[in-house]
Amino acid sequence: MSQPIIAFEQVSKVFEDNGTVVLKDVSFELEEGKFLYPAGRFW
């Protein structure tokens, strides 16, 4: 397995104005030659 070109480990995000949790303990690695795209609801 090749080394990841980007990695996130246990990333969380909360909007301070209203306390909405949008990410909680998200982890992933992206290897060279692979791609990632967000899916889901966008405002």
N, C-alpha and C. Protein backbone atom coordinates (compact mmCIF):
# COMPACT_ATOMS: atom_id res chain seq x y z
N MET A 1 0.85 -1.18 0.00
CA MET A 1 0.00 0.00 0.00
C MET A 1 0.89 1.24 0.00
N SER A 2 0.55 2.22 -0.84
CA SER A 2 1.36 3.43 -0.90
C SER A 2 1.02 4.38 0.24
N GLN A 3 1.90 5.33 0.46
CA GLN A 3 1.69 6.33 1.50
C GLN A 3 0.56 7.28 1.08
N PRO A 4 -0.27 7.71 2.02
CA PRO A 4 -1.33 8.66 1.68
C PRO A 4 -0.74 10.03 1.34
N ILE A 5 -1.39 10.73 0.39
CA ILE A 5 -0.96 12.09 0.07
C ILE A 5 -1.69 13.10 0.95
N ILE A 6 -2.79 12.66 1.56
CA ILE A 6 -3.50 13.48 2.53
C ILE A 6 -4.19 12.53 3.51
N ALA A 7 -4.22 12.92 4.76
CA ALA A 7 -4.86 12.10 5.78
C ALA A 7 -5.51 12.99 6.83
N PHE A 8 -6.69 12.60 7.25
CA PHE A 8 -7.40 13.26 8.35
C PHE A 8 -7.66 12.20 9.41
N GLU A 9 -7.40 12.53 10.65
CA GLU A 9 -7.64 11.59 11.74
C GLU A 9 -8.47 12.26 12.83
N GLN A 10 -9.61 11.70 13.10
CA GLN A 10 -10.52 12.14 14.15
C GLN A 10 -10.83 13.64 14.07
N VAL A 11 -11.21 14.11 12.88
CA VAL A 11 -11.54 15.51 12.66
C VAL A 11 -12.99 15.77 13.06
N SER A 12 -13.21 16.84 13.79
CA SER A 12 -14.56 17.25 14.19
C SER A 12 -14.74 18.73 13.87
N LYS A 13 -16.00 19.12 13.64
CA LYS A 13 -16.33 20.52 13.38
C LYS A 13 -17.69 20.82 13.98
N VAL A 14 -17.75 21.91 14.75
CA VAL A 14 -18.99 22.39 15.34
C VAL A 14 -19.11 23.87 15.01
N PHE A 15 -20.27 24.29 14.49
CA PHE A 15 -20.49 25.71 14.24
C PHE A 15 -20.74 26.40 15.57
N GLU A 16 -19.92 27.41 15.86
CA GLU A 16 -19.98 28.08 17.15
C GLU A 16 -21.27 28.87 17.37
N ASP A 17 -21.84 29.41 16.29
CA ASP A 17 -23.02 30.27 16.46
C ASP A 17 -24.26 29.52 16.95
N ASN A 18 -24.41 28.24 16.54
CA ASN A 18 -25.60 27.50 16.97
C ASN A 18 -25.31 26.11 17.53
N GLY A 19 -24.04 25.74 17.61
CA GLY A 19 -23.67 24.46 18.20
C GLY A 19 -23.91 23.24 17.33
N THR A 20 -24.21 23.44 16.04
CA THR A 20 -24.46 22.33 15.13
C THR A 20 -23.18 21.54 14.88
N VAL A 21 -23.23 20.24 15.13
CA VAL A 21 -22.10 19.35 14.85
C VAL A 21 -22.21 18.91 13.40
N VAL A 22 -21.20 19.23 12.58
CA VAL A 22 -21.24 18.85 11.17
C VAL A 22 -20.26 17.73 10.84
N LEU A 23 -19.24 17.56 11.65
CA LEU A 23 -18.32 16.43 11.54
C LEU A 23 -17.99 15.95 12.94
N LYS A 24 -17.89 14.63 13.10
CA LYS A 24 -17.53 14.09 14.41
C LYS A 24 -16.64 12.87 14.22
N ASP A 25 -15.39 13.01 14.63
CA ASP A 25 -14.40 11.92 14.57
C ASP A 25 -14.27 11.30 13.17
N VAL A 26 -14.18 12.14 12.14
CA VAL A 26 -14.03 11.67 10.77
C VAL A 26 -12.56 11.39 10.49
N SER A 27 -12.28 10.22 9.92
CA SER A 27 -10.91 9.86 9.56
C SER A 27 -10.90 9.27 8.15
N PHE A 28 -9.90 9.64 7.35
CA PHE A 28 -9.71 9.01 6.05
C PHE A 28 -8.32 9.31 5.53
N GLU A 29 -7.89 8.49 4.57
CA GLU A 29 -6.61 8.69 3.88
C GLU A 29 -6.88 8.65 2.39
N LEU A 30 -6.16 9.47 1.65
CA LEU A 30 -6.28 9.51 0.21
C LEU A 30 -4.92 9.21 -0.40
N GLU A 31 -4.86 8.17 -1.21
CA GLU A 31 -3.60 7.77 -1.83
C GLU A 31 -3.45 8.42 -3.20
N GLU A 32 -2.21 8.56 -3.63
CA GLU A 32 -1.93 9.13 -4.94
C GLU A 32 -2.64 8.32 -6.02
N GLY A 33 -3.26 9.02 -6.96
CA GLY A 33 -3.97 8.37 -8.05
C GLY A 33 -5.43 8.07 -7.74
N LYS A 34 -5.84 8.26 -6.51
CA LYS A 34 -7.23 8.04 -6.10
C LYS A 34 -7.93 9.39 -6.02
N PHE A 35 -9.24 9.38 -6.00
CA PHE A 35 -9.97 10.64 -5.85
C PHE A 35 -11.11 10.46 -4.86
N LEU A 36 -11.55 11.57 -4.33
CA LEU A 36 -12.60 11.60 -3.32
C LEU A 36 -13.51 12.77 -3.64
N TYR A 37 -14.80 12.55 -3.52
CA TYR A 37 -15.72 13.67 -3.71
C TYR A 37 -16.80 13.61 -2.64
N PRO A 38 -17.22 14.78 -2.18
CA PRO A 38 -18.28 14.81 -1.17
C PRO A 38 -19.62 14.47 -1.79
N ALA A 39 -20.44 13.80 -1.05
CA ALA A 39 -21.80 13.47 -1.49
C ALA A 39 -22.75 13.75 -0.34
N GLY A 40 -23.93 14.12 -0.66
CA GLY A 40 -24.91 14.38 0.37
C GLY A 40 -25.57 15.73 0.15
N ARG A 41 -26.15 16.23 1.19
CA ARG A 41 -26.91 17.47 1.13
C ARG A 41 -25.99 18.68 1.29
N PHE A 42 -26.09 19.59 0.37
CA PHE A 42 -25.34 20.84 0.43
C PHE A 42 -26.33 21.98 0.45
N TRP A 43 -25.99 23.04 1.15
CA TRP A 43 -26.89 24.18 1.24
C TRP A 43 -26.64 25.10 0.10
